[in-house]
Amino acid sequence: MNILNKKLLISFTALMLTVVSPASAEKLRVGMECTYAPFNFKTADGVLSGYDVDVSKGVAEILGLELEYVCQKWDGMIPALLANKFDLIIASMSITDKRKKKIDFSGPYRDSVGQMVARKDLGRDLFDSAGKPDPAAFKGIKVGLERATTYSDWFEQTLPSAKVVLYDSNEALYLDLMNGRTDVIMTNPMKAHLKFLSKDGNDGFELAGPVIDDVDYFGVGVGIGLRQGQEELRDNLTGALKTLIKNGSLKEYALKYFPFQIHNDKWAD
């Protein structure tokens, strides 16, 4: 090999190392609860896992990002993003008009719905024959809701006379339902089935009433939150999510935790 070719090889090798070096990857901090199984939670040995975590890693691989995870309580999630404590929210946050007044979102990567979970011996129908909530049926019972969620917003506007107890975590929400401190909760039905209803000893509870997919409150789906004014990053995140839908990865992530996919394939169009 002549001297010129050696110099070209050395230059090319140096260029490739620069391109693929982890040190050159853009580093972004991701905020999530870290307690919201099966979407984002820590395993018994402290490993951060869940559907949201899988999605974040898939997006990072496509965009060449390095991620650092920051655990944050839910009701402080948006204020922490705006205070620059992290750069992205990947925490099963529904895309709603109310939130879009403060932050921006990528396209959706998961369905966003709600459903009641109640004691089987509650002894009343919470919804009428048309599937509408019956305000009279909620009199005299306590409803548990996680603070600062789309579920609490829905109750505040739809059933303002209901007696609501607010919780700072999903775990406390389920614990008080089990202990009889509340009679009904509203949460994500996928999570309720996996984390609560399917567990031994919880056969005294059931999903009550229809799945509620009110777009005005629950939005078009769950997306990645980011600060406003970052259109290029937002579009790149959306493009990466569409790639994960098209190549089957998003469905693969869901099947690790659920017996079905939890996104709409049309979101890739």
Protein backbone atom coordinates (compact mmCIF):
# COMPACT_ATOMS: atom_id res chain seq x y z
CA MET A 1 0.00 0.00 0.00
CA ASN A 2 1.47 3.36 -1.01
CA ILE A 3 1.76 6.37 1.29
CA LEU A 4 -1.21 8.17 -0.30
CA ASN A 5 -3.50 5.20 0.17
CA LYS A 6 -2.34 4.79 3.78
CA LYS A 7 -3.13 8.44 4.48
CA LEU A 8 -6.58 8.07 2.89
CA LEU A 9 -7.27 4.93 4.95
CA ILE A 10 -6.21 6.65 8.17
CA SER A 11 -8.36 9.68 7.38
CA PHE A 12 -11.38 7.51 6.52
CA THR A 13 -10.97 5.46 9.71
CA ALA A 14 -10.75 8.60 11.83
CA LEU A 15 -13.89 9.96 10.17
CA MET A 16 -15.83 6.76 10.86
CA LEU A 17 -14.77 6.75 14.51
CA THR A 18 -15.97 10.32 14.83
CA VAL A 19 -19.36 9.45 13.32
CA VAL A 20 -20.08 6.38 15.45
CA SER A 21 -18.40 7.45 18.67
CA PRO A 22 -20.92 7.51 21.56
CA ALA A 23 -19.30 10.71 22.76
CA SER A 24 -20.57 12.44 19.60
CA ALA A 25 -24.20 11.39 20.12
CA GLU A 26 -26.63 14.06 21.27
CA LYS A 27 -27.55 13.47 24.91
CA LEU A 28 -31.11 14.10 26.03
CA ARG A 29 -32.64 13.70 29.47
CA VAL A 30 -35.95 11.82 29.67
CA GLY A 31 -38.47 12.38 32.45
CA MET A 32 -40.77 9.56 33.61
CA GLU A 33 -42.42 8.42 36.85
CA CYS A 34 -40.40 5.18 37.14
CA THR A 35 -43.29 3.71 39.18
CA TYR A 36 -45.97 3.31 36.50
CA ALA A 37 -45.82 -0.39 35.60
CA PRO A 38 -45.98 -1.77 32.98
CA PHE A 39 -45.18 1.47 31.14
CA ASN A 40 -42.21 2.78 33.12
CA PHE A 41 -41.02 1.19 36.35
CA LYS A 42 -37.99 -0.23 38.15
CA THR A 43 -37.63 -3.99 38.52
CA ALA A 44 -36.69 -5.62 41.83
CA ASP A 45 -33.01 -5.22 40.94
CA GLY A 46 -33.42 -1.53 40.08
CA VAL A 47 -33.47 -1.78 36.27
CA LEU A 48 -35.72 0.77 34.55
CA SER A 49 -38.17 -1.14 32.34
CA GLY A 50 -41.53 -0.93 30.61
CA TYR A 51 -43.24 -0.01 27.38
CA ASP A 52 -42.29 3.68 27.57
CA VAL A 53 -38.67 2.72 28.21
CA ASP A 54 -38.66 0.38 25.20
CA VAL A 55 -40.12 3.15 23.03
CA SER A 56 -37.52 5.65 24.22
CA LYS A 57 -34.68 3.26 23.43
CA GLY A 58 -36.13 2.50 19.99
CA VAL A 59 -36.37 6.22 19.18
CA ALA A 60 -32.84 6.81 20.50
CA GLU A 61 -31.42 4.08 18.30
CA ILE A 62 -33.05 5.50 15.18
CA LEU A 63 -32.01 9.10 15.89
CA GLY A 64 -28.58 8.31 17.33
CA LEU A 65 -29.38 9.76 20.74
CA GLU A 66 -27.90 9.04 24.14
CA LEU A 67 -30.54 9.09 26.87
CA GLU A 68 -30.35 9.85 30.57
CA TYR A 69 -33.45 8.99 32.62
CA VAL A 70 -34.81 11.26 35.36
CA CYS A 71 -37.51 9.98 37.75
CA GLN A 72 -40.17 12.60 38.45
CA LYS A 73 -43.52 12.60 40.28
CA TRP A 74 -46.40 12.87 37.86
CA ASP A 75 -47.96 16.14 39.04
CA GLY A 76 -44.62 17.91 38.62
CA MET A 77 -43.80 16.44 35.20
CA ILE A 78 -44.64 19.43 33.00
CA PRO A 79 -43.23 22.05 35.42
CA ALA A 80 -39.98 20.05 35.58
CA LEU A 81 -39.75 19.93 31.78
CA LEU A 82 -40.31 23.69 31.58
CA ALA A 83 -37.69 24.22 34.29
CA ASN A 84 -35.17 22.32 32.12
CA LYS A 85 -34.77 19.42 34.54
CA PHE A 86 -35.05 17.15 31.51
CA ASP A 87 -35.61 17.49 27.76
CA LEU A 88 -38.36 14.96 26.97
CA ILE A 89 -41.34 13.43 28.72
CA ILE A 90 -41.77 9.77 27.75
CA ALA A 91 -44.19 8.76 30.45
CA SER A 92 -47.50 7.71 28.86
CA MET A 93 -48.63 11.35 28.75
CA SER A 94 -51.77 11.90 26.69
CA ILE A 95 -51.72 14.57 24.00
CA THR A 96 -54.44 17.06 25.01
CA ASP A 97 -55.27 20.63 24.02
CA LYS A 98 -54.85 21.69 27.64
CA ARG A 99 -51.30 20.39 27.81
CA LYS A 100 -50.45 21.70 24.34
CA LYS A 101 -50.92 25.22 25.68
CA LYS A 102 -47.76 24.65 27.75
CA ILE A 103 -45.68 22.05 25.88
CA ASP A 104 -45.36 20.44 22.47
CA PHE A 105 -45.82 16.77 21.54
CA SER A 106 -44.58 14.29 18.99
CA GLY A 107 -47.10 12.16 17.17
CA PRO A 108 -48.78 9.42 19.25
CA TYR A 109 -47.29 6.03 20.12
CA ARG A 110 -49.99 4.55 22.40
CA ASP A 111 -53.78 4.63 22.79
CA SER A 112 -55.17 6.86 25.52
CA VAL A 113 -58.43 5.80 27.20
CA GLY A 114 -59.92 5.46 30.67
CA GLN A 115 -62.16 3.02 32.51
CA MET A 116 -63.57 2.57 36.01
CA VAL A 117 -62.47 -0.17 38.37
CA ALA A 118 -64.90 -0.91 41.19
CA ARG A 119 -65.73 -3.39 43.92
CA LYS A 120 -67.98 -6.15 42.60
CA ASP A 121 -70.28 -5.68 45.60
CA LEU A 122 -70.77 -1.97 44.91
CA GLY A 123 -74.39 -2.72 44.07
CA ARG A 124 -75.06 -0.02 41.50
CA ASP A 125 -74.70 0.71 37.80
CA LEU A 126 -72.45 3.71 37.31
CA PHE A 127 -73.54 4.22 33.68
CA ASP A 128 -76.95 4.35 32.04
CA SER A 129 -78.12 2.19 29.13
CA ALA A 130 -76.60 4.65 26.65
CA GLY A 131 -73.17 4.34 28.26
CA LYS A 132 -73.28 7.76 29.90
CA PRO A 133 -72.18 8.23 33.53
CA ASP A 134 -75.11 8.55 35.93
CA PRO A 135 -74.41 11.33 38.47
CA ALA A 136 -76.94 9.88 40.93
CA ALA A 137 -75.05 6.56 40.97
CA PHE A 138 -71.92 8.28 42.24
CA LYS A 139 -73.62 9.78 45.30
CA GLY A 140 -72.38 8.33 48.56
CA ILE A 141 -69.26 6.67 47.14
CA LYS A 142 -65.62 7.75 47.05
CA VAL A 143 -63.75 7.91 43.77
CA GLY A 144 -59.96 7.58 43.73
CA LEU A 145 -58.01 9.44 41.03
CA GLU A 146 -54.35 10.17 40.44
CA ARG A 147 -53.63 13.87 40.77
CA ALA A 148 -53.09 16.07 37.64
CA THR A 149 -54.25 13.40 35.17
CA THR A 150 -56.71 13.37 32.30
CA TYR A 151 -58.91 11.20 34.53
CA SER A 152 -59.13 13.87 37.22
CA ASP A 153 -59.89 16.49 34.54
CA TRP A 154 -62.67 14.28 33.13
CA PHE A 155 -64.27 13.80 36.54
CA GLU A 156 -64.02 17.48 37.41
CA GLN A 157 -65.99 18.45 34.30
CA THR A 158 -68.26 15.43 33.80
CA LEU A 159 -69.15 14.50 37.40
CA PRO A 160 -68.40 17.62 39.47
CA SER A 161 -70.59 16.46 42.36
CA ALA A 162 -68.69 13.17 42.84
CA LYS A 163 -66.66 12.81 46.02
CA VAL A 164 -63.09 12.53 44.72
CA VAL A 165 -59.94 11.55 46.61
CA LEU A 166 -56.69 12.53 44.85
CA TYR A 167 -53.46 10.52 45.02
CA ASP A 168 -49.84 11.32 44.19
CA SER A 169 -49.09 7.84 42.82
CA ASN A 170 -50.80 4.96 41.06
CA GLU A 171 -49.67 2.55 43.78
CA ALA A 172 -51.48 4.54 46.49
CA LEU A 173 -54.56 4.63 44.27
CA TYR A 174 -54.77 0.82 44.11
CA LEU A 175 -53.85 0.36 47.76
CA ASP A 176 -56.75 2.47 49.02
CA LEU A 177 -59.17 0.70 46.67
CA MET A 178 -58.04 -2.65 48.10
CA ASN A 179 -58.32 -1.37 51.67
CA GLY A 180 -61.83 0.01 51.17
CA ARG A 181 -60.89 3.68 51.54
CA THR A 182 -62.33 4.28 48.07
CA ASP A 183 -65.06 2.46 46.17
CA VAL A 184 -64.14 3.23 42.56
CA ILE A 185 -61.08 4.40 40.68
CA MET A 186 -60.55 5.53 37.11
CA THR A 187 -57.37 4.61 35.30
CA ASN A 188 -55.92 3.02 32.19
CA PRO A 189 -57.74 -0.31 31.64
CA MET A 190 -54.67 -2.02 30.16
CA LYS A 191 -52.66 -1.20 33.27
CA ALA A 192 -55.55 -2.03 35.59
CA HIS A 193 -55.82 -5.54 34.14
CA LEU A 194 -52.11 -6.32 34.31
CA LYS A 195 -51.18 -4.63 37.56
CA PHE A 196 -54.31 -5.16 39.63
CA LEU A 197 -57.23 -7.24 38.36
CA SER A 198 -55.13 -10.20 37.22
CA LYS A 199 -53.33 -10.50 40.57
CA ASP A 200 -54.20 -13.13 43.18
CA GLY A 201 -56.54 -11.83 45.86
CA ASN A 202 -58.10 -9.09 43.74
CA ASP A 203 -61.01 -11.09 42.35
CA GLY A 204 -63.41 -8.91 44.31
CA PHE A 205 -62.90 -6.07 41.83
CA GLU A 206 -63.86 -5.57 38.18
CA LEU A 207 -63.83 -3.14 35.28
CA ALA A 208 -67.05 -1.13 35.56
CA GLY A 209 -68.74 0.53 32.62
CA PRO A 210 -67.46 1.14 29.09
CA VAL A 211 -64.03 2.21 27.92
CA ILE A 212 -64.07 6.02 27.75
CA ASP A 213 -62.18 7.50 24.81
CA ASP A 214 -63.30 11.13 25.04
CA VAL A 215 -60.80 12.95 22.79
CA ASP A 216 -61.56 16.27 24.51
CA TYR A 217 -59.98 14.90 27.69
CA PHE A 218 -57.84 11.92 26.73
CA GLY A 219 -56.54 13.33 23.46
CA VAL A 220 -55.65 11.44 20.29
CA GLY A 221 -53.16 9.20 22.08
CA VAL A 222 -49.97 9.25 24.13
CA GLY A 223 -46.97 11.16 22.78
CA ILE A 224 -43.49 12.38 23.67
CA GLY A 225 -43.59 15.77 25.39
CA LEU A 226 -41.01 18.48 24.76
CA ARG A 227 -40.63 22.21 25.21
CA GLN A 228 -42.25 24.43 22.61
CA GLY A 229 -40.12 25.93 19.84
CA GLN A 230 -38.22 22.72 19.02
CA GLU A 231 -39.97 21.85 15.77
CA GLU A 232 -37.03 19.95 14.25
CA LEU A 233 -36.68 17.71 17.30
CA ARG A 234 -40.45 17.19 17.44
CA ASP A 235 -40.59 16.17 13.78
CA ASN A 236 -37.59 13.86 14.18
CA LEU A 237 -39.26 12.16 17.16
CA THR A 238 -42.49 11.73 15.19
CA GLY A 239 -40.58 10.30 12.25
CA ALA A 240 -38.81 7.80 14.51
CA LEU A 241 -42.12 6.70 16.03
CA LYS A 242 -43.58 6.15 12.57
CA THR A 243 -40.56 3.99 11.73
CA LEU A 244 -41.16 1.91 14.87
CA ILE A 245 -44.77 1.36 13.76
CA LYS A 246 -43.83 0.43 10.20
CA ASN A 247 -41.03 -1.99 11.15
CA GLY A 248 -43.18 -3.75 13.77
CA SER A 249 -41.13 -2.68 16.79
CA LEU A 250 -43.97 -0.83 18.51
CA LYS A 251 -46.17 -3.92 18.34
CA GLU A 252 -43.26 -6.03 19.61
CA TYR A 253 -42.84 -3.73 22.62
CA ALA A 254 -46.56 -3.99 23.45
CA LEU A 255 -46.63 -7.79 23.23
CA LYS A 256 -44.02 -7.98 26.01
CA TYR A 257 -46.68 -6.69 28.40
CA PHE A 258 -50.09 -7.10 26.72
CA PRO A 259 -51.75 -9.73 24.50
CA PHE A 260 -52.39 -7.05 21.85
CA GLN A 261 -50.83 -3.95 20.32
CA ILE A 262 -51.75 -0.64 21.93
CA HIS A 263 -51.27 1.76 19.01
CA ASN A 264 -53.04 2.61 15.76
CA ASP A 265 -51.20 1.58 12.58
CA LYS A 266 -52.71 4.60 10.80
CA TRP A 267 -50.45 6.84 12.90
CA ALA A 268 -47.60 5.85 10.56
CA ASP A 269 -49.33 7.40 7.52
